Amino acid sequence: MSRRKTKKQKQQIVKYESSNISQEQMIEIQAEAYYRALKRIEDEKSKKDEQKPEIPKKKWHERILFFLNVCLWPWKINKRFNVSNRIYDSIPVMFVSFVLRLTGGIMWFVGMVGLVTAVYNLIVYRVFKDIVGAGPFSLVILLLGAIFILAADAFEKETDSNKIYAYSASIIALVSCIVSIIALVGM
């Protein structure tokens, strides 16, 4: 096997020498071609970045007017207000982020109340079992609530439709399971 490798290497050297171009010149030519290819790729990337249109930020009164216009006269949106072409992605994103924020907020509040209660019972009543029993549980609930709130913030920035629909479907299925369990228990 090693004979074949050395034979191939010798044949390549002979090819370079026979074509009246030295091996160093060939390396320089290849390096120049590589440099030009990299330069072209960088130029294409910069052109793509330049082509992304920037969305102008709306002032607070424009947002209120848009909200009123959408709520009261949705069939006649004023031409000044641009509705994004991604409105179909916005509806599941808004619903899922609302559910995540609501769930996270409730969990965070329950965890905070549990921790404050445990510390209060320790200081006032000198009851140590609350800090050992309810303290870690409250801390876990508090952290999960914070994670849910951060997940809602991150999900609002998502632009990939596949991820949006997959995540929305799982959250909506989870909400429907919870509602059906509540309905069954209420009977």
Foldseek 3Di string as FASTA:
>chain_A
DVVVVVVVVVVVCVVCVVVVHHPVNVVVVVVVVVVVVVVVVVVVVVVVVVPDDDDDDDDPVVVVVQVCCCVPPVVCRDPVDDDDPCVVLVVLLVVQLVVLLVQLVVLLVQLVVLQVVLVVCCVPVVDNVSCVPSVVVSVVSNVSSVVSNVVSVVSNPDDDSVVSVVVSVVVVVVVVVVVVVVVVVVD
